[in-house]
Amino acid sequence: MIKTERPFVEDLFARYEVLIGRDFPGYRNHVYRTITYAMHFLGNAKEHERLVEAAFVYHDIGLWTDHELAYLEPSEAVAVSDNQKLGLGLDPDLLRAAIHWHHKIFPYTGPHRAIIEACRKADWIDASKGMLRKGISRAAIAEVESEFPNLGFHDSLMRLAKDYGGSTLVGSIKVTLGIVKW
């Protein structure tokens, strides 16, 4: 099920749209795609939706808030801070873990496995532009991508890697070392 309207996501994004700037449309659509995939893995269970939405709004936000290629910890800090400051009522440990492990290469087996795995698989699908499908059909991925086009999101990541790392190669190495978990 593709949900095109997510008021909670838009409320959270409202604080960061100007900061994210020209990268916002691409990042927004990346967030909507990953939420859609994660919720699919969770059987669209309503009780997980707000956590998944928040986790994906914040999962890469450290790229813009802290200008960091190793952006997981800064992203976690912003998410946990906003959770507390805005009274979102989300489990801060789960929110932090969903962000922390979303680039894990191998399956996550710790606490809150179902939610963290759904987020991890969802981000890998989108990061790979659907090359990794994690059990979702090509047709379903194409439908999600059609609803929420890339709008240069992956190009933005390469530009930020170059801008923050000094070159695309050095930046890509810093990103990999800073965010990929085994």
C-alpha atoms as a PDB file:
ATOM      1  CA  MET A   1       0.000   0.000   0.000  1.00  0.00           C
ATOM      2  CA  ILE A   2       1.434   3.352  -1.044  1.00  0.00           C
ATOM      3  CA  LYS A   3       0.465   6.216   1.241  1.00  0.00           C
ATOM      4  CA  THR A   4       1.055   9.549  -0.454  1.00  0.00           C
ATOM      5  CA  GLU A   5       0.063  11.720   2.495  1.00  0.00           C
ATOM      6  CA  ARG A   6       1.898  11.473   5.802  1.00  0.00           C
ATOM      7  CA  PRO A   7       1.086  14.481   7.994  1.00  0.00           C
ATOM      8  CA  PHE A   8       3.444  13.373  10.795  1.00  0.00           C
ATOM      9  CA  VAL A   9       6.337  13.217   8.316  1.00  0.00           C
ATOM     10  CA  GLU A  10       5.493  16.659   6.963  1.00  0.00           C
ATOM     11  CA  ASP A  11       5.303  18.108  10.499  1.00  0.00           C
ATOM     12  CA  LEU A  12       8.750  16.732  11.315  1.00  0.00           C
ATOM     13  CA  PHE A  13      10.192  17.892   7.994  1.00  0.00           C
ATOM     14  CA  ALA A  14       8.860  21.439   8.455  1.00  0.00           C
ATOM     15  CA  ARG A  15      11.756  22.197  10.835  1.00  0.00           C
ATOM     16  CA  TYR A  16      14.416  21.058   8.373  1.00  0.00           C
ATOM     17  CA  GLU A  17      13.217  21.855   4.844  1.00  0.00           C
ATOM     18  CA  VAL A  18      15.104  25.165   4.625  1.00  0.00           C
ATOM     19  CA  LEU A  19      18.258  23.603   6.102  1.00  0.00           C
ATOM     20  CA  ILE A  20      18.165  20.698   3.635  1.00  0.00           C
ATOM     21  CA  GLY A  21      17.579  23.217   0.855  1.00  0.00           C
ATOM     22  CA  ARG A  22      17.878  22.061  -2.732  1.00  0.00           C
ATOM     23  CA  ASP A  23      18.304  18.460  -1.573  1.00  0.00           C
ATOM     24  CA  PHE A  24      14.909  18.467   0.145  1.00  0.00           C
ATOM     25  CA  PRO A  25      12.664  17.134  -2.691  1.00  0.00           C
ATOM     26  CA  GLY A  26      14.980  14.175  -3.306  1.00  0.00           C
ATOM     27  CA  TYR A  27      15.433  13.425   0.387  1.00  0.00           C
ATOM     28  CA  ARG A  28      11.695  13.732   1.027  1.00  0.00           C
ATOM     29  CA  ASN A  29      10.938  11.194  -1.698  1.00  0.00           C
ATOM     30  CA  HIS A  30      13.688   8.882  -0.409  1.00  0.00           C
ATOM     31  CA  VAL A  31      12.020   9.028   3.008  1.00  0.00           C
ATOM     32  CA  TYR A  32       8.596   8.258   1.549  1.00  0.00           C
ATOM     33  CA  ARG A  33       9.972   5.327  -0.470  1.00  0.00           C
ATOM     34  CA  THR A  34      11.765   3.818   2.508  1.00  0.00           C
ATOM     35  CA  ILE A  35       8.745   4.248   4.780  1.00  0.00           C
ATOM     36  CA  THR A  36       6.615   2.493   2.172  1.00  0.00           C
ATOM     37  CA  TYR A  37       9.009  -0.455   1.942  1.00  0.00           C
ATOM     38  CA  ALA A  38       9.476  -0.734   5.722  1.00  0.00           C
ATOM     39  CA  MET A  39       5.741  -0.643   6.360  1.00  0.00           C
ATOM     40  CA  HIS A  40       5.310  -3.396   3.756  1.00  0.00           C
ATOM     41  CA  PHE A  41       7.717  -5.583   5.749  1.00  0.00           C
ATOM     42  CA  LEU A  42       5.742  -4.790   8.901  1.00  0.00           C
ATOM     43  CA  GLY A  43       2.418  -5.714   7.309  1.00  0.00           C
ATOM     44  CA  ASN A  44       1.393  -2.019   7.392  1.00  0.00           C
ATOM     45  CA  ALA A  45       0.887  -2.394  11.160  1.00  0.00           C
ATOM     46  CA  LYS A  46      -0.420   0.959  12.370  1.00  0.00           C
ATOM     47  CA  GLU A  47       1.320   0.610  15.751  1.00  0.00           C
ATOM     48  CA  HIS A  48       4.741   0.874  14.058  1.00  0.00           C
ATOM     49  CA  GLU A  49       3.979   3.669  11.623  1.00  0.00           C
ATOM     50  CA  ARG A  50       4.953   6.755  13.681  1.00  0.00           C
ATOM     51  CA  LEU A  51       8.252   5.202  14.744  1.00  0.00           C
ATOM     52  CA  VAL A  52       9.106   4.197  11.170  1.00  0.00           C
ATOM     53  CA  GLU A  53       8.116   7.614   9.861  1.00  0.00           C
ATOM     54  CA  ALA A  54      10.245   9.427  12.437  1.00  0.00           C
ATOM     55  CA  ALA A  55      13.199   7.102  11.981  1.00  0.00           C
ATOM     56  CA  PHE A  56      13.281   7.774   8.253  1.00  0.00           C
ATOM     57  CA  VAL A  57      12.767  11.528   8.519  1.00  0.00           C
ATOM     58  CA  TYR A  58      15.855  11.639  10.728  1.00  0.00           C
ATOM     59  CA  HIS A  59      17.939   8.725   9.435  1.00  0.00           C
ATOM     60  CA  ASP A  60      20.234  10.821   7.194  1.00  0.00           C
ATOM     61  CA  ILE A  61      19.530  14.282   8.658  1.00  0.00           C
ATOM     62  CA  GLY A  62      23.050  14.588  10.112  1.00  0.00           C
ATOM     63  CA  LEU A  63      24.316  15.147   6.572  1.00  0.00           C
ATOM     64  CA  TRP A  64      22.662  18.564   6.688  1.00  0.00           C
ATOM     65  CA  THR A  65      22.496  19.397  10.408  1.00  0.00           C
ATOM     66  CA  ASP A  66      26.110  18.503  11.188  1.00  0.00           C
ATOM     67  CA  HIS A  67      27.694  18.386   7.710  1.00  0.00           C
ATOM     68  CA  GLU A  68      29.071  14.975   8.613  1.00  0.00           C
ATOM     69  CA  LEU A  69      29.758  12.000   6.362  1.00  0.00           C
ATOM     70  CA  ALA A  70      29.719   9.792   9.456  1.00  0.00           C
ATOM     71  CA  TYR A  71      26.155  10.975  10.018  1.00  0.00           C
ATOM     72  CA  LEU A  72      24.525   8.148  11.969  1.00  0.00           C
ATOM     73  CA  GLU A  73      25.309   9.421  15.460  1.00  0.00           C
ATOM     74  CA  PRO A  74      24.455  13.054  14.619  1.00  0.00           C
ATOM     75  CA  SER A  75      21.191  11.868  13.034  1.00  0.00           C
ATOM     76  CA  GLU A  76      20.381   9.791  16.119  1.00  0.00           C
ATOM     77  CA  ALA A  77      21.083  12.771  18.384  1.00  0.00           C
ATOM     78  CA  VAL A  78      18.752  15.080  16.433  1.00  0.00           C
ATOM     79  CA  ALA A  79      16.004  12.434  16.409  1.00  0.00           C
ATOM     80  CA  VAL A  80      16.237  11.700  20.119  1.00  0.00           C
ATOM     81  CA  SER A  81      16.408  15.400  20.970  1.00  0.00           C
ATOM     82  CA  ASP A  82      13.331  16.228  18.855  1.00  0.00           C
ATOM     83  CA  ASN A  83      11.496  13.224  20.282  1.00  0.00           C
ATOM     84  CA  GLN A  84      11.991  14.625  23.770  1.00  0.00           C
ATOM     85  CA  LYS A  85      11.635  18.325  22.923  1.00  0.00           C
ATOM     86  CA  LEU A  86       8.489  17.878  20.800  1.00  0.00           C
ATOM     87  CA  GLY A  87       6.939  15.257  23.089  1.00  0.00           C
ATOM     88  CA  LEU A  88       6.611  12.695  20.302  1.00  0.00           C
ATOM     89  CA  GLY A  89       6.378   9.856  22.806  1.00  0.00           C
ATOM     90  CA  LEU A  90       8.515   7.438  20.781  1.00  0.00           C
ATOM     91  CA  ASP A  91      10.768   4.890  22.472  1.00  0.00           C
ATOM     92  CA  PRO A  92      14.127   6.739  22.270  1.00  0.00           C
ATOM     93  CA  ASP A  93      16.171   3.526  22.308  1.00  0.00           C
ATOM     94  CA  LEU A  94      14.184   2.053  19.434  1.00  0.00           C
ATOM     95  CA  LEU A  95      14.305   5.325  17.477  1.00  0.00           C
ATOM     96  CA  ARG A  96      18.077   5.509  17.953  1.00  0.00           C
ATOM     97  CA  ALA A  97      18.543   1.834  16.986  1.00  0.00           C
ATOM     98  CA  ALA A  98      16.403   2.099  13.841  1.00  0.00           C
ATOM     99  CA  ILE A  99      18.674   4.910  12.661  1.00  0.00           C
ATOM    100  CA  HIS A 100      21.925   3.370  13.913  1.00  0.00           C
ATOM    101  CA  TRP A 101      21.456   0.009  12.166  1.00  0.00           C
ATOM    102  CA  HIS A 102      19.822   1.080   8.898  1.00  0.00           C
ATOM    103  CA  HIS A 103      23.062   0.513   6.926  1.00  0.00           C
ATOM    104  CA  LYS A 104      23.875  -2.837   8.523  1.00  0.00           C
ATOM    105  CA  ILE A 105      25.001  -5.263   5.845  1.00  0.00           C
ATOM    106  CA  PHE A 106      23.916  -8.463   7.564  1.00  0.00           C
ATOM    107  CA  PRO A 107      20.524  -9.012   9.223  1.00  0.00           C
ATOM    108  CA  TYR A 108      19.981  -7.398  12.582  1.00  0.00           C
ATOM    109  CA  THR A 109      19.211  -9.879  15.372  1.00  0.00           C
ATOM    110  CA  GLY A 110      18.993  -7.744  18.514  1.00  0.00           C
ATOM    111  CA  PRO A 111      16.091  -6.146  20.371  1.00  0.00           C
ATOM    112  CA  HIS A 112      13.191  -4.816  18.267  1.00  0.00           C
ATOM    113  CA  ARG A 113      14.370  -7.000  15.403  1.00  0.00           C
ATOM    114  CA  ALA A 114      11.210  -6.750  13.258  1.00  0.00           C
ATOM    115  CA  ILE A 115      11.183  -2.953  13.108  1.00  0.00           C
ATOM    116  CA  ILE A 116      14.924  -2.501  12.727  1.00  0.00           C
ATOM    117  CA  GLU A 117      15.121  -5.179  10.044  1.00  0.00           C
ATOM    118  CA  ALA A 118      12.211  -3.584   8.159  1.00  0.00           C
ATOM    119  CA  CYS A 119      14.020  -0.237   8.204  1.00  0.00           C
ATOM    120  CA  ARG A 120      17.356  -1.810   7.258  1.00  0.00           C
ATOM    121  CA  LYS A 121      15.916  -3.708   4.299  1.00  0.00           C
ATOM    122  CA  ALA A 122      13.905  -0.692   3.162  1.00  0.00           C
ATOM    123  CA  ASP A 123      16.960   1.562   3.044  1.00  0.00           C
ATOM    124  CA  TRP A 124      19.027  -1.036   1.176  1.00  0.00           C
ATOM    125  CA  ILE A 125      16.284  -1.324  -1.444  1.00  0.00           C
ATOM    126  CA  ASP A 126      16.269   2.403  -2.011  1.00  0.00           C
ATOM    127  CA  ALA A 127      20.024   2.955  -1.678  1.00  0.00           C
ATOM    128  CA  SER A 128      20.548   0.340  -4.388  1.00  0.00           C
ATOM    129  CA  LYS A 129      17.803   1.880  -6.567  1.00  0.00           C
ATOM    130  CA  GLY A 130      15.933  -1.425  -6.423  1.00  0.00           C
ATOM    131  CA  MET A 131      18.865  -3.644  -7.406  1.00  0.00           C
ATOM    132  CA  LEU A 132      18.523  -5.260  -3.971  1.00  0.00           C
ATOM    133  CA  ARG A 133      14.846  -6.129  -3.592  1.00  0.00           C
ATOM    134  CA  LYS A 134      14.775  -7.951  -0.238  1.00  0.00           C
ATOM    135  CA  GLY A 135      11.709  -9.918  -1.347  1.00  0.00           C
ATOM    136  CA  ILE A 136       9.720  -7.055  -2.872  1.00  0.00           C
ATOM    137  CA  SER A 137       8.837  -7.484  -6.536  1.00  0.00           C
ATOM    138  CA  ARG A 138      10.376  -5.329  -9.259  1.00  0.00           C
ATOM    139  CA  ALA A 139       6.878  -4.188 -10.188  1.00  0.00           C
ATOM    140  CA  ALA A 140       6.128  -3.030  -6.636  1.00  0.00           C
ATOM    141  CA  ILE A 141       9.433  -1.147  -6.439  1.00  0.00           C
ATOM    142  CA  ALA A 142       8.745   0.474  -9.815  1.00  0.00           C
ATOM    143  CA  GLU A 143       5.322   1.548  -8.565  1.00  0.00           C
ATOM    144  CA  VAL A 144       6.826   3.149  -5.447  1.00  0.00           C
ATOM    145  CA  GLU A 145       9.550   4.837  -7.504  1.00  0.00           C
ATOM    146  CA  SER A 146       6.922   6.138  -9.920  1.00  0.00           C
ATOM    147  CA  GLU A 147       4.914   7.656  -7.065  1.00  0.00           C
ATOM    148  CA  PHE A 148       8.031   9.124  -5.401  1.00  0.00           C
ATOM    149  CA  PRO A 149      10.657   9.786  -8.103  1.00  0.00           C
ATOM    150  CA  ASN A 150      14.329  10.002  -7.186  1.00  0.00           C
ATOM    151  CA  LEU A 151      14.622  13.731  -7.960  1.00  0.00           C
ATOM    152  CA  GLY A 152      18.410  13.567  -7.798  1.00  0.00           C
ATOM    153  CA  PHE A 153      18.663  12.081  -4.306  1.00  0.00           C
ATOM    154  CA  HIS A 154      21.576   9.760  -5.117  1.00  0.00           C
ATOM    155  CA  ASP A 155      23.340  12.589  -6.990  1.00  0.00           C
ATOM    156  CA  SER A 156      22.981  14.737  -3.854  1.00  0.00           C
ATOM    157  CA  LEU A 157      24.700  12.033  -1.817  1.00  0.00           C
ATOM    158  CA  MET A 158      27.627  11.952  -4.242  1.00  0.00           C
ATOM    159  CA  ARG A 159      27.870  15.772  -4.215  1.00  0.00           C
ATOM    160  CA  LEU A 160      27.842  15.855  -0.403  1.00  0.00           C
ATOM    161  CA  ALA A 161      30.506  13.128  -0.284  1.00  0.00           C
ATOM    162  CA  LYS A 162      32.706  15.327  -2.484  1.00  0.00           C
ATOM    163  CA  ASP A 163      31.879  18.561  -0.642  1.00  0.00           C
ATOM    164  CA  TYR A 164      32.452  17.159   2.855  1.00  0.00           C
ATOM    165  CA  GLY A 165      35.242  14.742   1.970  1.00  0.00           C
ATOM    166  CA  GLY A 166      37.296  16.891  -0.404  1.00  0.00           C
ATOM    167  CA  SER A 167      36.775  14.485  -3.311  1.00  0.00           C
ATOM    168  CA  THR A 168      34.176  11.941  -4.303  1.00  0.00           C
ATOM    169  CA  LEU A 169      36.623   9.091  -3.643  1.00  0.00           C
ATOM    170  CA  VAL A 170      37.759  10.289  -0.213  1.00  0.00           C
ATOM    171  CA  GLY A 171      34.195  11.256   0.724  1.00  0.00           C
ATOM    172  CA  SER A 172      32.852   7.862  -0.365  1.00  0.00           C
ATOM    173  CA  ILE A 173      35.480   6.106   1.753  1.00  0.00           C
ATOM    174  CA  LYS A 174      34.631   8.306   4.755  1.00  0.00           C
ATOM    175  CA  VAL A 175      30.913   7.601   4.294  1.00  0.00           C
ATOM    176  CA  THR A 176      31.496   3.869   4.043  1.00  0.00           C
ATOM    177  CA  LEU A 177      33.715   3.762   7.112  1.00  0.00           C
ATOM    178  CA  GLY A 178      31.391   6.037   9.051  1.00  0.00           C
ATOM    179  CA  ILE A 179      27.992   4.479   8.370  1.00  0.00           C
ATOM    180  CA  VAL A 180      28.234   0.875   7.245  1.00  0.00           C
ATOM    181  CA  LYS A 181      27.754  -1.653  10.036  1.00  0.00           C
ATOM    182  CA  TRP A 182      28.459  -5.366   9.825  1.00  0.00           C
END
